[in-house]
Amino acid sequence: MFARLFMSHPQSVGEGYFEHQRVALSFAGSLIFAGCACLLHAFIPGCCERTASKRIEILHGRMVVNRRTH
């Protein structure tokens, strides 16, 4: 049970537990930032017009494109 919850997934993507934690937290920070930009844009449409979409494109590149090189 412990291995399945904490080790299986990081190993399946070629990372250790703490490396995977660092990557996941960096994604979380970027997504929170993008979410805040969307929230601000909802109230002030002239602000952050492309901020969230640019951030998502960057994250997509990190997650999909960079994983193909492993």
PDB file of N, CA and C in Angstrom:
ATOM      1  N   MET A   1       0.831  -1.201   0.000  1.00  0.00           N
ATOM      2  CA  MET A   1       0.000   0.000   0.000  1.00  0.00           C
ATOM      3  C   MET A   1       0.873   1.262   0.000  1.00  0.00           C
ATOM      4  N   PHE A   2       1.894   1.291   0.869  1.00  0.00           N
ATOM      5  CA  PHE A   2       2.789   2.450   0.941  1.00  0.00           C
ATOM      6  C   PHE A   2       3.461   2.700  -0.398  1.00  0.00           C
ATOM      7  N   ALA A   3       4.010   1.637  -0.980  1.00  0.00           N
ATOM      8  CA  ALA A   3       4.707   1.774  -2.267  1.00  0.00           C
ATOM      9  C   ALA A   3       3.761   2.266  -3.349  1.00  0.00           C
ATOM     10  N   ARG A   4       2.537   1.765  -3.370  1.00  0.00           N
ATOM     11  CA  ARG A   4       1.573   2.184  -4.388  1.00  0.00           C
ATOM     12  C   ARG A   4       1.231   3.654  -4.233  1.00  0.00           C
ATOM     13  N   LEU A   5       1.048   4.115  -3.015  1.00  0.00           N
ATOM     14  CA  LEU A   5       0.649   5.507  -2.785  1.00  0.00           C
ATOM     15  C   LEU A   5       1.787   6.501  -2.984  1.00  0.00           C
ATOM     16  N   PHE A   6       3.000   6.121  -2.616  1.00  0.00           N
ATOM     17  CA  PHE A   6       4.087   7.091  -2.580  1.00  0.00           C
ATOM     18  C   PHE A   6       5.197   6.867  -3.604  1.00  0.00           C
ATOM     19  N   MET A   7       5.345   5.682  -4.126  1.00  0.00           N
ATOM     20  CA  MET A   7       6.500   5.404  -4.971  1.00  0.00           C
ATOM     21  C   MET A   7       6.169   5.016  -6.405  1.00  0.00           C
ATOM     22  N   SER A   8       5.070   4.345  -6.631  1.00  0.00           N
ATOM     23  CA  SER A   8       4.769   3.802  -7.961  1.00  0.00           C
ATOM     24  C   SER A   8       4.713   4.878  -9.035  1.00  0.00           C
ATOM     25  N   HIS A   9       3.939   5.912  -8.801  1.00  0.00           N
ATOM     26  CA  HIS A   9       3.795   6.942  -9.826  1.00  0.00           C
ATOM     27  C   HIS A   9       5.098   7.697 -10.089  1.00  0.00           C
ATOM     28  N   PRO A  10       5.792   8.198  -9.060  1.00  0.00           N
ATOM     29  CA  PRO A  10       7.065   8.873  -9.355  1.00  0.00           C
ATOM     30  C   PRO A  10       8.033   7.990 -10.159  1.00  0.00           C
ATOM     31  N   GLN A  11       8.116   6.711  -9.807  1.00  0.00           N
ATOM     32  CA  GLN A  11       8.992   5.796 -10.540  1.00  0.00           C
ATOM     33  C   GLN A  11       8.533   5.619 -11.975  1.00  0.00           C
ATOM     34  N   SER A  12       7.219   5.626 -12.197  1.00  0.00           N
ATOM     35  CA  SER A  12       6.699   5.418 -13.555  1.00  0.00           C
ATOM     36  C   SER A  12       7.040   6.572 -14.497  1.00  0.00           C
ATOM     37  N   VAL A  13       7.348   7.733 -13.941  1.00  0.00           N
ATOM     38  CA  VAL A  13       7.745   8.878 -14.762  1.00  0.00           C
ATOM     39  C   VAL A  13       9.238   9.177 -14.627  1.00  0.00           C
ATOM     40  N   GLY A  14       9.975   8.232 -14.050  1.00  0.00           N
ATOM     41  CA  GLY A  14      11.423   8.346 -13.963  1.00  0.00           C
ATOM     42  C   GLY A  14      11.933   9.330 -12.929  1.00  0.00           C
ATOM     43  N   GLU A  15      11.200   9.500 -11.844  1.00  0.00           N
ATOM     44  CA  GLU A  15      11.598  10.438 -10.795  1.00  0.00           C
ATOM     45  C   GLU A  15      11.574   9.743  -9.442  1.00  0.00           C
ATOM     46  N   GLY A  16      12.318  10.291  -8.502  1.00  0.00           N
ATOM     47  CA  GLY A  16      12.232   9.856  -7.116  1.00  0.00           C
ATOM     48  C   GLY A  16      11.099  10.620  -6.435  1.00  0.00           C
ATOM     49  N   TYR A  17      10.811  10.231  -5.202  1.00  0.00           N
ATOM     50  CA  TYR A  17       9.703  10.859  -4.470  1.00  0.00           C
ATOM     51  C   TYR A  17       9.889  12.368  -4.336  1.00  0.00           C
ATOM     52  N   PHE A  18      11.046  12.814  -3.865  1.00  0.00           N
ATOM     53  CA  PHE A  18      11.238  14.250  -3.624  1.00  0.00           C
ATOM     54  C   PHE A  18      11.376  15.041  -4.917  1.00  0.00           C
ATOM     55  N   GLU A  19      11.968  14.434  -5.925  1.00  0.00           N
ATOM     56  CA  GLU A  19      12.028  15.106  -7.232  1.00  0.00           C
ATOM     57  C   GLU A  19      10.614  15.312  -7.776  1.00  0.00           C
ATOM     58  N   HIS A  20       9.793  14.274  -7.678  1.00  0.00           N
ATOM     59  CA  HIS A  20       8.414  14.378  -8.151  1.00  0.00           C
ATOM     60  C   HIS A  20       7.637  15.407  -7.336  1.00  0.00           C
ATOM     61  N   GLN A  21       7.877  15.444  -6.048  1.00  0.00           N
ATOM     62  CA  GLN A  21       7.214  16.423  -5.195  1.00  0.00           C
ATOM     63  C   GLN A  21       7.563  17.844  -5.637  1.00  0.00           C
ATOM     64  N   ARG A  22       8.848  18.087  -5.898  1.00  0.00           N
ATOM     65  CA  ARG A  22       9.296  19.410  -6.340  1.00  0.00           C
ATOM     66  C   ARG A  22       8.631  19.804  -7.661  1.00  0.00           C
ATOM     67  N   VAL A  23       8.590  18.880  -8.605  1.00  0.00           N
ATOM     68  CA  VAL A  23       7.966  19.169  -9.900  1.00  0.00           C
ATOM     69  C   VAL A  23       6.473  19.434  -9.727  1.00  0.00           C
ATOM     70  N   ALA A  24       5.798  18.594  -8.955  1.00  0.00           N
ATOM     71  CA  ALA A  24       4.360  18.756  -8.738  1.00  0.00           C
ATOM     72  C   ALA A  24       4.046  20.084  -8.051  1.00  0.00           C
ATOM     73  N   LEU A  25       4.868  20.471  -7.078  1.00  0.00           N
ATOM     74  CA  LEU A  25       4.645  21.748  -6.401  1.00  0.00           C
ATOM     75  C   LEU A  25       4.884  22.926  -7.337  1.00  0.00           C
ATOM     76  N   SER A  26       5.845  22.789  -8.250  1.00  0.00           N
ATOM     77  CA  SER A  26       6.075  23.878  -9.204  1.00  0.00           C
ATOM     78  C   SER A  26       4.885  24.011 -10.155  1.00  0.00           C
ATOM     79  N   PHE A  27       4.287  22.885 -10.540  1.00  0.00           N
ATOM     80  CA  PHE A  27       3.077  22.927 -11.368  1.00  0.00           C
ATOM     81  C   PHE A  27       1.934  23.564 -10.584  1.00  0.00           C
ATOM     82  N   ALA A  28       1.803  23.190  -9.321  1.00  0.00           N
ATOM     83  CA  ALA A  28       0.736  23.756  -8.487  1.00  0.00           C
ATOM     84  C   ALA A  28       0.867  25.268  -8.385  1.00  0.00           C
ATOM     85  N   GLY A  29       2.085  25.760  -8.165  1.00  0.00           N
ATOM     86  CA  GLY A  29       2.306  27.197  -8.081  1.00  0.00           C
ATOM     87  C   GLY A  29       1.936  27.907  -9.370  1.00  0.00           C
ATOM     88  N   SER A  30       2.320  27.329 -10.498  1.00  0.00           N
ATOM     89  CA  SER A  30       1.987  27.924 -11.791  1.00  0.00           C
ATOM     90  C   SER A  30       0.481  27.929 -12.034  1.00  0.00           C
ATOM     91  N   LEU A  31      -0.182  26.848 -11.645  1.00  0.00           N
ATOM     92  CA  LEU A  31      -1.633  26.786 -11.834  1.00  0.00           C
ATOM     93  C   LEU A  31      -2.370  27.761 -10.923  1.00  0.00           C
ATOM     94  N   ILE A  32      -1.888  27.925  -9.708  1.00  0.00           N
ATOM     95  CA  ILE A  32      -2.497  28.912  -8.806  1.00  0.00           C
ATOM     96  C   ILE A  32      -2.325  30.308  -9.383  1.00  0.00           C
ATOM     97  N   PHE A  33      -1.129  30.610  -9.884  1.00  0.00           N
ATOM     98  CA  PHE A  33      -0.872  31.895 -10.527  1.00  0.00           C
ATOM     99  C   PHE A  33      -1.821  32.108 -11.714  1.00  0.00           C
ATOM    100  N   ALA A  34      -1.966  31.085 -12.563  1.00  0.00           N
ATOM    101  CA  ALA A  34      -2.862  31.182 -13.724  1.00  0.00           C
ATOM    102  C   ALA A  34      -4.307  31.379 -13.272  1.00  0.00           C
ATOM    103  N   GLY A  35      -4.704  30.681 -12.216  1.00  0.00           N
ATOM    104  CA  GLY A  35      -6.060  30.833 -11.696  1.00  0.00           C
ATOM    105  C   GLY A  35      -6.319  32.231 -11.173  1.00  0.00           C
ATOM    106  N   CYS A  36      -5.349  32.801 -10.489  1.00  0.00           N
ATOM    107  CA  CYS A  36      -5.488  34.183  -9.999  1.00  0.00           C
ATOM    108  C   CYS A  36      -5.578  35.164 -11.162  1.00  0.00           C
ATOM    109  N   ALA A  37      -4.796  34.918 -12.212  1.00  0.00           N
ATOM    110  CA  ALA A  37      -4.865  35.771 -13.400  1.00  0.00           C
ATOM    111  C   ALA A  37      -6.251  35.676 -14.032  1.00  0.00           C
ATOM    112  N   CYS A  38      -6.814  34.487 -14.096  1.00  0.00           N
ATOM    113  CA  CYS A  38      -8.173  34.319 -14.646  1.00  0.00           C
ATOM    114  C   CYS A  38      -9.206  35.048 -13.793  1.00  0.00           C
ATOM    115  N   LEU A  39      -9.051  34.948 -12.494  1.00  0.00           N
ATOM    116  CA  LEU A  39      -9.975  35.621 -11.584  1.00  0.00           C
ATOM    117  C   LEU A  39      -9.913  37.133 -11.780  1.00  0.00           C
ATOM    118  N   LEU A  40      -8.713  37.670 -11.856  1.00  0.00           N
ATOM    119  CA  LEU A  40      -8.557  39.104 -12.101  1.00  0.00           C
ATOM    120  C   LEU A  40      -9.137  39.486 -13.455  1.00  0.00           C
ATOM    121  N   HIS A  41      -8.889  38.665 -14.459  1.00  0.00           N
ATOM    122  CA  HIS A  41      -9.417  38.931 -15.803  1.00  0.00           C
ATOM    123  C   HIS A  41     -10.950  38.917 -15.829  1.00  0.00           C
ATOM    124  N   ALA A  42     -11.536  38.078 -14.998  1.00  0.00           N
ATOM    125  CA  ALA A  42     -13.004  38.002 -14.954  1.00  0.00           C
ATOM    126  C   ALA A  42     -13.613  39.334 -14.523  1.00  0.00           C
ATOM    127  N   PHE A  43     -12.940  40.043 -13.631  1.00  0.00           N
ATOM    128  CA  PHE A  43     -13.458  41.310 -13.133  1.00  0.00           C
ATOM    129  C   PHE A  43     -12.944  42.512 -13.911  1.00  0.00           C
ATOM    130  N   ILE A  44     -11.740  42.403 -14.446  1.00  0.00           N
ATOM    131  CA  ILE A  44     -11.149  43.494 -15.227  1.00  0.00           C
ATOM    132  C   ILE A  44     -10.640  42.882 -16.535  1.00  0.00           C
ATOM    133  N   PRO A  45     -11.505  42.788 -17.547  1.00  0.00           N
ATOM    134  CA  PRO A  45     -11.160  42.081 -18.781  1.00  0.00           C
ATOM    135  C   PRO A  45      -9.900  42.589 -19.487  1.00  0.00           C
ATOM    136  N   GLY A  46      -9.527  43.827 -19.267  1.00  0.00           N
ATOM    137  CA  GLY A  46      -8.325  44.348 -19.908  1.00  0.00           C
ATOM    138  C   GLY A  46      -7.035  43.887 -19.258  1.00  0.00           C
ATOM    139  N   CYS A  47      -7.125  43.256 -18.104  1.00  0.00           N
ATOM    140  CA  CYS A  47      -5.934  42.755 -17.401  1.00  0.00           C
ATOM    141  C   CYS A  47      -5.737  41.266 -17.692  1.00  0.00           C
ATOM    142  N   CYS A  48      -4.511  40.883 -17.765  1.00  0.00           N
ATOM    143  CA  CYS A  48      -4.146  39.456 -17.868  1.00  0.00           C
ATOM    144  C   CYS A  48      -4.848  38.749 -19.024  1.00  0.00           C
ATOM    145  N   GLU A  49      -4.865  39.385 -20.161  1.00  0.00           N
ATOM    146  CA  GLU A  49      -5.604  38.820 -21.297  1.00  0.00           C
ATOM    147  C   GLU A  49      -5.036  37.490 -21.779  1.00  0.00           C
ATOM    148  N   ARG A  50      -3.737  37.303 -21.698  1.00  0.00           N
ATOM    149  CA  ARG A  50      -3.122  36.056 -22.165  1.00  0.00           C
ATOM    150  C   ARG A  50      -2.275  35.373 -21.080  1.00  0.00           C
ATOM    151  N   THR A  51      -2.304  35.897 -19.889  1.00  0.00           N
ATOM    152  CA  THR A  51      -1.441  35.378 -18.827  1.00  0.00           C
ATOM    153  C   THR A  51      -1.687  33.899 -18.552  1.00  0.00           C
ATOM    154  N   ALA A  52      -2.925  33.523 -18.336  1.00  0.00           N
ATOM    155  CA  ALA A  52      -3.238  32.128 -17.994  1.00  0.00           C
ATOM    156  C   ALA A  52      -2.965  31.199 -19.168  1.00  0.00           C
ATOM    157  N   SER A  53      -3.361  31.594 -20.362  1.00  0.00           N
ATOM    158  CA  SER A  53      -3.148  30.713 -21.508  1.00  0.00           C
ATOM    159  C   SER A  53      -1.661  30.524 -21.798  1.00  0.00           C
ATOM    160  N   LYS A  54      -0.860  31.570 -21.630  1.00  0.00           N
ATOM    161  CA  LYS A  54       0.585  31.423 -21.806  1.00  0.00           C
ATOM    162  C   LYS A  54       1.156  30.459 -20.773  1.00  0.00           C
ATOM    163  N   ARG A  55       0.700  30.584 -19.533  1.00  0.00           N
ATOM    164  CA  ARG A  55       1.186  29.715 -18.466  1.00  0.00           C
ATOM    165  C   ARG A  55       0.818  28.266 -18.765  1.00  0.00           C
ATOM    166  N   ILE A  56      -0.396  28.032 -19.242  1.00  0.00           N
ATOM    167  CA  ILE A  56      -0.830  26.670 -19.568  1.00  0.00           C
ATOM    168  C   ILE A  56       0.009  26.099 -20.705  1.00  0.00           C
ATOM    169  N   GLU A  57       0.326  26.921 -21.706  1.00  0.00           N
ATOM    170  CA  GLU A  57       1.174  26.459 -22.810  1.00  0.00           C
ATOM    171  C   GLU A  57       2.551  26.040 -22.293  1.00  0.00           C
ATOM    172  N   ILE A  58       3.108  26.818 -21.383  1.00  0.00           N
ATOM    173  CA  ILE A  58       4.409  26.492 -20.798  1.00  0.00           C
ATOM    174  C   ILE A  58       4.329  25.179 -20.022  1.00  0.00           C
ATOM    175  N   LEU A  59       3.284  25.027 -19.218  1.00  0.00           N
ATOM    176  CA  LEU A  59       3.129  23.800 -18.439  1.00  0.00           C
ATOM    177  C   LEU A  59       2.930  22.591 -19.351  1.00  0.00           C
ATOM    178  N   HIS A  60       2.180  22.765 -20.411  1.00  0.00           N
ATOM    179  CA  HIS A  60       1.963  21.681 -21.369  1.00  0.00           C
ATOM    180  C   HIS A  60       3.306  21.240 -21.952  1.00  0.00           C
ATOM    181  N   GLY A  61       4.123  22.206 -22.316  1.00  0.00           N
ATOM    182  CA  GLY A  61       5.440  21.879 -22.838  1.00  0.00           C
ATOM    183  C   GLY A  61       6.283  21.114 -21.837  1.00  0.00           C
ATOM    184  N   ARG A  62       6.242  21.537 -20.595  1.00  0.00           N
ATOM    185  CA  ARG A  62       7.009  20.850 -19.551  1.00  0.00           C
ATOM    186  C   ARG A  62       6.508  19.435 -19.323  1.00  0.00           C
ATOM    187  N   MET A  63       5.202  19.257 -19.356  1.00  0.00           N
ATOM    188  CA  MET A  63       4.632  17.970 -19.019  1.00  0.00           C
ATOM    189  C   MET A  63       4.687  16.988 -20.186  1.00  0.00           C
ATOM    190  N   VAL A  64       4.344  17.419 -21.374  1.00  0.00           N
ATOM    191  CA  VAL A  64       4.213  16.501 -22.506  1.00  0.00           C
ATOM    192  C   VAL A  64       5.481  16.444 -23.343  1.00  0.00           C
ATOM    193  N   VAL A  65       5.935  17.571 -23.804  1.00  0.00           N
ATOM    194  CA  VAL A  65       7.065  17.591 -24.713  1.00  0.00           C
ATOM    195  C   VAL A  65       8.332  17.116 -24.014  1.00  0.00           C
ATOM    196  N   ASN A  66       8.611  17.633 -22.813  1.00  0.00           N
ATOM    197  CA  ASN A  66       9.821  17.243 -22.108  1.00  0.00           C
ATOM    198  C   ASN A  66       9.788  15.785 -21.649  1.00  0.00           C
ATOM    199  N   ARG A  67       8.639  15.225 -21.395  1.00  0.00           N
ATOM    200  CA  ARG A  67       8.532  13.823 -20.964  1.00  0.00           C
ATOM    201  C   ARG A  67       8.929  12.884 -22.104  1.00  0.00           C
ATOM    202  N   ARG A  68       8.747  13.308 -23.346  1.00  0.00           N
ATOM    203  CA  ARG A  68       9.097  12.450 -24.488  1.00  0.00           C
ATOM    204  C   ARG A  68      10.599  12.247 -24.590  1.00  0.00           C
ATOM    205  N   THR A  69      11.383  13.131 -24.010  1.00  0.00           N
ATOM    206  CA  THR A  69      12.839  13.004 -24.095  1.00  0.00           C
ATOM    207  C   THR A  69      13.394  12.044 -23.056  1.00  0.00           C
ATOM    208  N   HIS A  70      12.596  11.632 -22.088  1.00  0.00           N
ATOM    209  CA  HIS A  70      13.078  10.687 -21.051  1.00  0.00           C
ATOM    210  C   HIS A  70      13.118   9.277 -21.588  1.00  0.00           C
TER     211      HIS A  70
END
